[in-house]
Amino acid sequence: MTRVISKFALVLFALWLGIAASGTAADDGKAVARTMLDSARDAPFPRQWEAYQVYAYATLDQAAFQRPYQDAINQLPAAVKRGDGPWLAPMKMKSALNRYLVAPGGEFVYISGCKPRNCGTSVGVLFDPATGKLALLLEKPTGKPKEKRYRRWLVGDHTPAMAALLEAVRAAEKKGYNRLPPSANRRAKAAPHLPP
């Protein structure tokens, strides 16, 4: 446990110094995502955030969520908004119940879903209800299905730690691990799927 905390503290200190902005930013981002995968965990929703324990479409009923979510949607390229806006903006998507994640960087509501009748196109949203910060990751498959390559857009008003946590949760979710922290074996299987 001490090793994980000290590793996380070291990564956060490196981000604070601005190392992530250097030429090794991709490696640092992946290191932060791996640390998040190690340290984040699912938890029950606390009483003040129980209203977020709903399916994706009902999350828009929360006034505090609406503005950050729409701001993130507006940051997507125009062509993406035209093609995916009709299902993405009103959150008309196939989804599971939202999850509550606790990580060293804060406590977050995690929302995920996919385009109706085309679950290859999917979205993950990490929202901090205390600060109103939000990270949205939209992924669309490109090429043949066997290649499993995706075009990705990460938008919203978020911190680097939030982006790393969202990347880690999405990687684990794609491998079928819908609870954090995953076991060491499952974590090893999900880590290679973190984006470069």
C-alpha atoms as a PDB file:
ATOM      1  CA  MET A   1       0.000   0.000   0.000  1.00  0.00           C
ATOM      2  CA  THR A   2       2.793   2.434   0.882  1.00  0.00           C
ATOM      3  CA  ARG A   3       4.509   1.610  -2.383  1.00  0.00           C
ATOM      4  CA  VAL A   4       1.379   2.448  -4.398  1.00  0.00           C
ATOM      5  CA  ILE A   5       0.853   5.725  -2.516  1.00  0.00           C
ATOM      6  CA  SER A   6       4.487   6.781  -2.870  1.00  0.00           C
ATOM      7  CA  LYS A   7       4.444   5.856  -6.579  1.00  0.00           C
ATOM      8  CA  PHE A   8       1.276   7.906  -7.037  1.00  0.00           C
ATOM      9  CA  ALA A   9       2.743  10.842  -5.085  1.00  0.00           C
ATOM     10  CA  LEU A  10       5.854  10.745  -7.261  1.00  0.00           C
ATOM     11  CA  VAL A  11       3.772  10.783 -10.447  1.00  0.00           C
ATOM     12  CA  LEU A  12       1.638  13.675  -9.189  1.00  0.00           C
ATOM     13  CA  PHE A  13       4.795  15.586  -8.200  1.00  0.00           C
ATOM     14  CA  ALA A  14       6.173  15.014 -11.703  1.00  0.00           C
ATOM     15  CA  LEU A  15       2.958  16.374 -13.201  1.00  0.00           C
ATOM     16  CA  TRP A  16       3.152  19.379 -10.916  1.00  0.00           C
ATOM     17  CA  LEU A  17       6.657  20.110 -12.148  1.00  0.00           C
ATOM     18  CA  GLY A  18       5.405  20.006 -15.709  1.00  0.00           C
ATOM     19  CA  ILE A  19       7.293  16.925 -16.789  1.00  0.00           C
ATOM     20  CA  ALA A  20       4.174  15.624 -18.539  1.00  0.00           C
ATOM     21  CA  ALA A  21       4.442  18.529 -20.968  1.00  0.00           C
ATOM     22  CA  SER A  22       7.903  17.408 -22.098  1.00  0.00           C
ATOM     23  CA  GLY A  23       8.751  14.989 -24.918  1.00  0.00           C
ATOM     24  CA  THR A  24       7.929  12.013 -22.696  1.00  0.00           C
ATOM     25  CA  ALA A  25       4.367  13.147 -22.057  1.00  0.00           C
ATOM     26  CA  ALA A  26       2.843   9.960 -23.513  1.00  0.00           C
ATOM     27  CA  ASP A  27       4.951   7.764 -21.233  1.00  0.00           C
ATOM     28  CA  ASP A  28       4.152   9.923 -18.212  1.00  0.00           C
ATOM     29  CA  GLY A  29       0.434   9.910 -19.045  1.00  0.00           C
ATOM     30  CA  LYS A  30       0.468   6.144 -19.328  1.00  0.00           C
ATOM     31  CA  ALA A  31       2.319   5.919 -15.988  1.00  0.00           C
ATOM     32  CA  VAL A  32      -0.326   8.108 -14.354  1.00  0.00           C
ATOM     33  CA  ALA A  33      -3.097   5.960 -15.880  1.00  0.00           C
ATOM     34  CA  ARG A  34      -1.445   2.779 -14.566  1.00  0.00           C
ATOM     35  CA  THR A  35      -1.121   4.345 -11.124  1.00  0.00           C
ATOM     36  CA  MET A  36      -4.779   5.323 -11.237  1.00  0.00           C
ATOM     37  CA  LEU A  37      -5.698   1.784 -12.221  1.00  0.00           C
ATOM     38  CA  ASP A  38      -3.792   0.591  -9.131  1.00  0.00           C
ATOM     39  CA  SER A  39      -5.187   3.117  -6.671  1.00  0.00           C
ATOM     40  CA  ALA A  40      -8.781   3.933  -7.740  1.00  0.00           C
ATOM     41  CA  ARG A  41     -11.688   1.943  -6.395  1.00  0.00           C
ATOM     42  CA  ASP A  42     -15.432   1.712  -6.807  1.00  0.00           C
ATOM     43  CA  ALA A  43     -17.408   2.797  -3.771  1.00  0.00           C
ATOM     44  CA  PRO A  44     -21.046   3.259  -2.803  1.00  0.00           C
ATOM     45  CA  PHE A  45     -22.478   6.658  -3.672  1.00  0.00           C
ATOM     46  CA  PRO A  46     -22.399   8.989  -0.660  1.00  0.00           C
ATOM     47  CA  ARG A  47     -25.715  10.499   0.377  1.00  0.00           C
ATOM     48  CA  GLN A  48     -25.029  13.926  -1.207  1.00  0.00           C
ATOM     49  CA  TRP A  49     -24.351  12.345  -4.625  1.00  0.00           C
ATOM     50  CA  GLU A  50     -27.020   9.590  -4.631  1.00  0.00           C
ATOM     51  CA  ALA A  51     -28.951  11.463  -7.332  1.00  0.00           C
ATOM     52  CA  TYR A  52     -26.154  10.458  -9.753  1.00  0.00           C
ATOM     53  CA  GLN A  53     -26.756   6.737  -9.168  1.00  0.00           C
ATOM     54  CA  VAL A  54     -28.868   6.475 -12.318  1.00  0.00           C
ATOM     55  CA  TYR A  55     -28.498   5.478 -15.962  1.00  0.00           C
ATOM     56  CA  ALA A  56     -26.685   7.861 -18.297  1.00  0.00           C
ATOM     57  CA  TYR A  57     -29.779   9.584 -19.754  1.00  0.00           C
ATOM     58  CA  ALA A  58     -31.093  10.504 -16.281  1.00  0.00           C
ATOM     59  CA  THR A  59     -27.783  12.127 -15.333  1.00  0.00           C
ATOM     60  CA  LEU A  60     -28.794  15.156 -17.391  1.00  0.00           C
ATOM     61  CA  ASP A  61     -31.556  15.790 -14.826  1.00  0.00           C
ATOM     62  CA  GLN A  62     -28.814  17.067 -12.502  1.00  0.00           C
ATOM     63  CA  ALA A  63     -28.365  20.812 -13.046  1.00  0.00           C
ATOM     64  CA  ALA A  64     -24.718  20.750 -11.898  1.00  0.00           C
ATOM     65  CA  PHE A  65     -23.885  18.208 -14.618  1.00  0.00           C
ATOM     66  CA  GLN A  66     -25.668  19.849 -17.569  1.00  0.00           C
ATOM     67  CA  ARG A  67     -23.354  22.837 -18.239  1.00  0.00           C
ATOM     68  CA  PRO A  68     -19.988  20.969 -18.010  1.00  0.00           C
ATOM     69  CA  TYR A  69     -21.357  18.162 -20.179  1.00  0.00           C
ATOM     70  CA  GLN A  70     -22.687  20.511 -22.875  1.00  0.00           C
ATOM     71  CA  ASP A  71     -19.411  22.489 -22.789  1.00  0.00           C
ATOM     72  CA  ALA A  72     -17.502  19.259 -23.430  1.00  0.00           C
ATOM     73  CA  ILE A  73     -19.834  18.296 -26.308  1.00  0.00           C
ATOM     74  CA  ASN A  74     -19.250  21.743 -27.830  1.00  0.00           C
ATOM     75  CA  GLN A  75     -15.473  21.107 -27.845  1.00  0.00           C
ATOM     76  CA  LEU A  76     -15.860  18.153 -30.229  1.00  0.00           C
ATOM     77  CA  PRO A  77     -15.160  18.803 -33.927  1.00  0.00           C
ATOM     78  CA  ALA A  78     -18.205  19.925 -35.940  1.00  0.00           C
ATOM     79  CA  ALA A  79     -18.305  16.750 -38.055  1.00  0.00           C
ATOM     80  CA  VAL A  80     -18.337  14.583 -34.925  1.00  0.00           C
ATOM     81  CA  LYS A  81     -21.093  16.681 -33.359  1.00  0.00           C
ATOM     82  CA  ARG A  82     -23.193  16.316 -36.523  1.00  0.00           C
ATOM     83  CA  GLY A  83     -22.751  12.543 -36.637  1.00  0.00           C
ATOM     84  CA  ASP A  84     -22.878  11.715 -32.935  1.00  0.00           C
ATOM     85  CA  GLY A  85     -24.700  14.705 -31.476  1.00  0.00           C
ATOM     86  CA  PRO A  86     -28.208  13.236 -31.845  1.00  0.00           C
ATOM     87  CA  TRP A  87     -27.437  10.411 -29.398  1.00  0.00           C
ATOM     88  CA  LEU A  88     -24.566  11.967 -27.425  1.00  0.00           C
ATOM     89  CA  ALA A  89     -26.031  15.350 -26.427  1.00  0.00           C
ATOM     90  CA  PRO A  90     -29.240  13.940 -24.846  1.00  0.00           C
ATOM     91  CA  MET A  91     -27.339  10.833 -23.606  1.00  0.00           C
ATOM     92  CA  LYS A  92     -29.664   8.510 -25.524  1.00  0.00           C
ATOM     93  CA  MET A  93     -27.306   5.584 -25.258  1.00  0.00           C
ATOM     94  CA  LYS A  94     -27.051   2.028 -24.058  1.00  0.00           C
ATOM     95  CA  SER A  95     -25.517   2.270 -20.589  1.00  0.00           C
ATOM     96  CA  ALA A  96     -25.061   0.663 -17.212  1.00  0.00           C
ATOM     97  CA  LEU A  97     -25.763   2.424 -13.932  1.00  0.00           C
ATOM     98  CA  ASN A  98     -23.307   5.215 -13.205  1.00  0.00           C
ATOM     99  CA  ARG A  99     -20.433   4.330 -10.880  1.00  0.00           C
ATOM    100  CA  TYR A 100     -18.837   6.251  -8.021  1.00  0.00           C
ATOM    101  CA  LEU A 101     -15.029   6.152  -8.057  1.00  0.00           C
ATOM    102  CA  VAL A 102     -12.668   7.164  -5.281  1.00  0.00           C
ATOM    103  CA  ALA A 103      -9.092   7.978  -6.270  1.00  0.00           C
ATOM    104  CA  PRO A 104      -6.255   9.927  -4.646  1.00  0.00           C
ATOM    105  CA  GLY A 105      -7.159  12.867  -6.920  1.00  0.00           C
ATOM    106  CA  GLY A 106     -10.777  13.054  -5.737  1.00  0.00           C
ATOM    107  CA  GLU A 107     -14.165  11.391  -5.918  1.00  0.00           C
ATOM    108  CA  PHE A 108     -15.909  11.060  -9.260  1.00  0.00           C
ATOM    109  CA  VAL A 109     -19.066   9.901 -11.008  1.00  0.00           C
ATOM    110  CA  TYR A 110     -18.210   7.630 -13.943  1.00  0.00           C
ATOM    111  CA  ILE A 111     -20.699   7.378 -16.791  1.00  0.00           C
ATOM    112  CA  SER A 112     -20.257   5.129 -19.799  1.00  0.00           C
ATOM    113  CA  GLY A 113     -22.378   4.121 -22.719  1.00  0.00           C
ATOM    114  CA  CYS A 114     -22.439   3.413 -26.400  1.00  0.00           C
ATOM    115  CA  LYS A 115     -24.287   4.514 -29.499  1.00  0.00           C
ATOM    116  CA  PRO A 116     -27.610   2.706 -29.967  1.00  0.00           C
ATOM    117  CA  ARG A 117     -27.365  -0.104 -32.540  1.00  0.00           C
ATOM    118  CA  ASN A 118     -23.596   0.563 -32.900  1.00  0.00           C
ATOM    119  CA  CYS A 119     -21.831  -0.188 -29.646  1.00  0.00           C
ATOM    120  CA  GLY A 120     -18.428   0.199 -31.286  1.00  0.00           C
ATOM    121  CA  THR A 121     -18.834   3.954 -30.854  1.00  0.00           C
ATOM    122  CA  SER A 122     -18.679   4.587 -27.132  1.00  0.00           C
ATOM    123  CA  VAL A 123     -18.256   7.334 -24.573  1.00  0.00           C
ATOM    124  CA  GLY A 124     -16.844   7.543 -21.070  1.00  0.00           C
ATOM    125  CA  VAL A 125     -17.419  10.538 -18.822  1.00  0.00           C
ATOM    126  CA  LEU A 126     -15.719  11.314 -15.524  1.00  0.00           C
ATOM    127  CA  PHE A 127     -17.437  14.044 -13.505  1.00  0.00           C
ATOM    128  CA  ASP A 128     -16.366  15.619 -10.222  1.00  0.00           C
ATOM    129  CA  PRO A 129     -19.626  16.832  -8.652  1.00  0.00           C
ATOM    130  CA  ALA A 130     -17.762  18.855  -6.017  1.00  0.00           C
ATOM    131  CA  THR A 131     -15.874  21.039  -8.531  1.00  0.00           C
ATOM    132  CA  GLY A 132     -17.932  20.640 -11.716  1.00  0.00           C
ATOM    133  CA  LYS A 133     -14.889  19.434 -13.692  1.00  0.00           C
ATOM    134  CA  LEU A 134     -15.656  16.908 -16.416  1.00  0.00           C
ATOM    135  CA  ALA A 135     -13.648  14.758 -18.822  1.00  0.00           C
ATOM    136  CA  LEU A 136     -15.375  13.155 -21.820  1.00  0.00           C
ATOM    137  CA  LEU A 137     -13.709  10.486 -23.964  1.00  0.00           C
ATOM    138  CA  LEU A 138     -15.449   9.581 -27.230  1.00  0.00           C
ATOM    139  CA  GLU A 139     -14.117   6.577 -29.152  1.00  0.00           C
ATOM    140  CA  LYS A 140     -15.102   5.562 -32.690  1.00  0.00           C
ATOM    141  CA  PRO A 141     -13.732   2.454 -34.399  1.00  0.00           C
ATOM    142  CA  THR A 142     -11.681   2.915 -37.550  1.00  0.00           C
ATOM    143  CA  GLY A 143     -10.670   0.272 -40.056  1.00  0.00           C
ATOM    144  CA  LYS A 144     -11.660  -3.352 -39.927  1.00  0.00           C
ATOM    145  CA  PRO A 145     -13.147  -4.774 -36.721  1.00  0.00           C
ATOM    146  CA  LYS A 146     -10.210  -7.142 -36.195  1.00  0.00           C
ATOM    147  CA  GLU A 147      -7.792  -4.214 -35.962  1.00  0.00           C
ATOM    148  CA  LYS A 148      -9.591  -2.697 -32.965  1.00  0.00           C
ATOM    149  CA  ARG A 149      -8.268   0.778 -33.649  1.00  0.00           C
ATOM    150  CA  TYR A 150     -10.173   3.815 -32.461  1.00  0.00           C
ATOM    151  CA  ARG A 151     -10.330   7.495 -33.231  1.00  0.00           C
ATOM    152  CA  ARG A 152     -10.473   9.233 -29.861  1.00  0.00           C
ATOM    153  CA  TRP A 153     -11.458  12.663 -28.590  1.00  0.00           C
ATOM    154  CA  LEU A 154     -10.755  13.699 -24.985  1.00  0.00           C
ATOM    155  CA  VAL A 155     -12.544  16.960 -24.207  1.00  0.00           C
ATOM    156  CA  GLY A 156     -13.889  18.930 -21.267  1.00  0.00           C
ATOM    157  CA  ASP A 157     -12.578  21.003 -18.386  1.00  0.00           C
ATOM    158  CA  HIS A 158     -10.476  18.401 -16.572  1.00  0.00           C
ATOM    159  CA  THR A 159      -7.178  17.853 -14.792  1.00  0.00           C
ATOM    160  CA  PRO A 160      -4.428  15.536 -16.107  1.00  0.00           C
ATOM    161  CA  ALA A 161      -5.178  13.164 -13.221  1.00  0.00           C
ATOM    162  CA  MET A 162      -8.859  13.002 -14.239  1.00  0.00           C
ATOM    163  CA  ALA A 163      -7.893  12.252 -17.843  1.00  0.00           C
ATOM    164  CA  ALA A 164      -5.542   9.500 -16.666  1.00  0.00           C
ATOM    165  CA  LEU A 165      -8.232   7.984 -14.444  1.00  0.00           C
ATOM    166  CA  LEU A 166     -10.745   8.058 -17.300  1.00  0.00           C
ATOM    167  CA  GLU A 167      -8.238   6.335 -19.606  1.00  0.00           C
ATOM    168  CA  ALA A 168      -7.559   3.664 -16.961  1.00  0.00           C
ATOM    169  CA  VAL A 169     -11.229   2.993 -16.234  1.00  0.00           C
ATOM    170  CA  ARG A 170     -12.038   2.772 -19.963  1.00  0.00           C
ATOM    171  CA  ALA A 171      -9.145   0.334 -20.542  1.00  0.00           C
ATOM    172  CA  ALA A 172     -10.318  -1.878 -17.667  1.00  0.00           C
ATOM    173  CA  GLU A 173     -13.934  -1.671 -18.824  1.00  0.00           C
ATOM    174  CA  LYS A 174     -13.031  -2.740 -22.368  1.00  0.00           C
ATOM    175  CA  LYS A 175     -11.465  -5.877 -20.912  1.00  0.00           C
ATOM    176  CA  GLY A 176     -14.683  -6.562 -18.971  1.00  0.00           C
ATOM    177  CA  TYR A 177     -13.523  -5.338 -15.555  1.00  0.00           C
ATOM    178  CA  ASN A 178     -16.300  -3.128 -14.278  1.00  0.00           C
ATOM    179  CA  ARG A 179     -15.111  -2.831 -10.676  1.00  0.00           C
ATOM    180  CA  LEU A 180     -11.968  -1.149  -9.363  1.00  0.00           C
ATOM    181  CA  PRO A 181      -9.447  -2.045  -8.217  1.00  0.00           C
ATOM    182  CA  PRO A 182      -9.063  -5.121 -10.404  1.00  0.00           C
ATOM    183  CA  SER A 183      -7.036  -8.034  -9.107  1.00  0.00           C
ATOM    184  CA  ALA A 184      -3.321  -8.064  -9.972  1.00  0.00           C
ATOM    185  CA  ASN A 185      -3.962 -10.565 -12.768  1.00  0.00           C
ATOM    186  CA  ARG A 186      -6.799  -8.512 -14.262  1.00  0.00           C
ATOM    187  CA  ARG A 187      -4.801  -5.293 -13.861  1.00  0.00           C
ATOM    188  CA  ALA A 188      -1.952  -6.861 -15.873  1.00  0.00           C
ATOM    189  CA  LYS A 189      -4.421  -7.758 -18.647  1.00  0.00           C
ATOM    190  CA  ALA A 190      -5.936  -4.245 -18.774  1.00  0.00           C
ATOM    191  CA  ALA A 191      -2.671  -2.243 -18.587  1.00  0.00           C
ATOM    192  CA  PRO A 192      -1.482  -3.039 -22.144  1.00  0.00           C
ATOM    193  CA  HIS A 193      -4.737  -1.554 -23.468  1.00  0.00           C
ATOM    194  CA  LEU A 194      -4.000   1.880 -22.108  1.00  0.00           C
ATOM    195  CA  PRO A 195      -3.518   4.282 -24.999  1.00  0.00           C
ATOM    196  CA  PRO A 196       0.046   5.303 -25.879  1.00  0.00           C
END
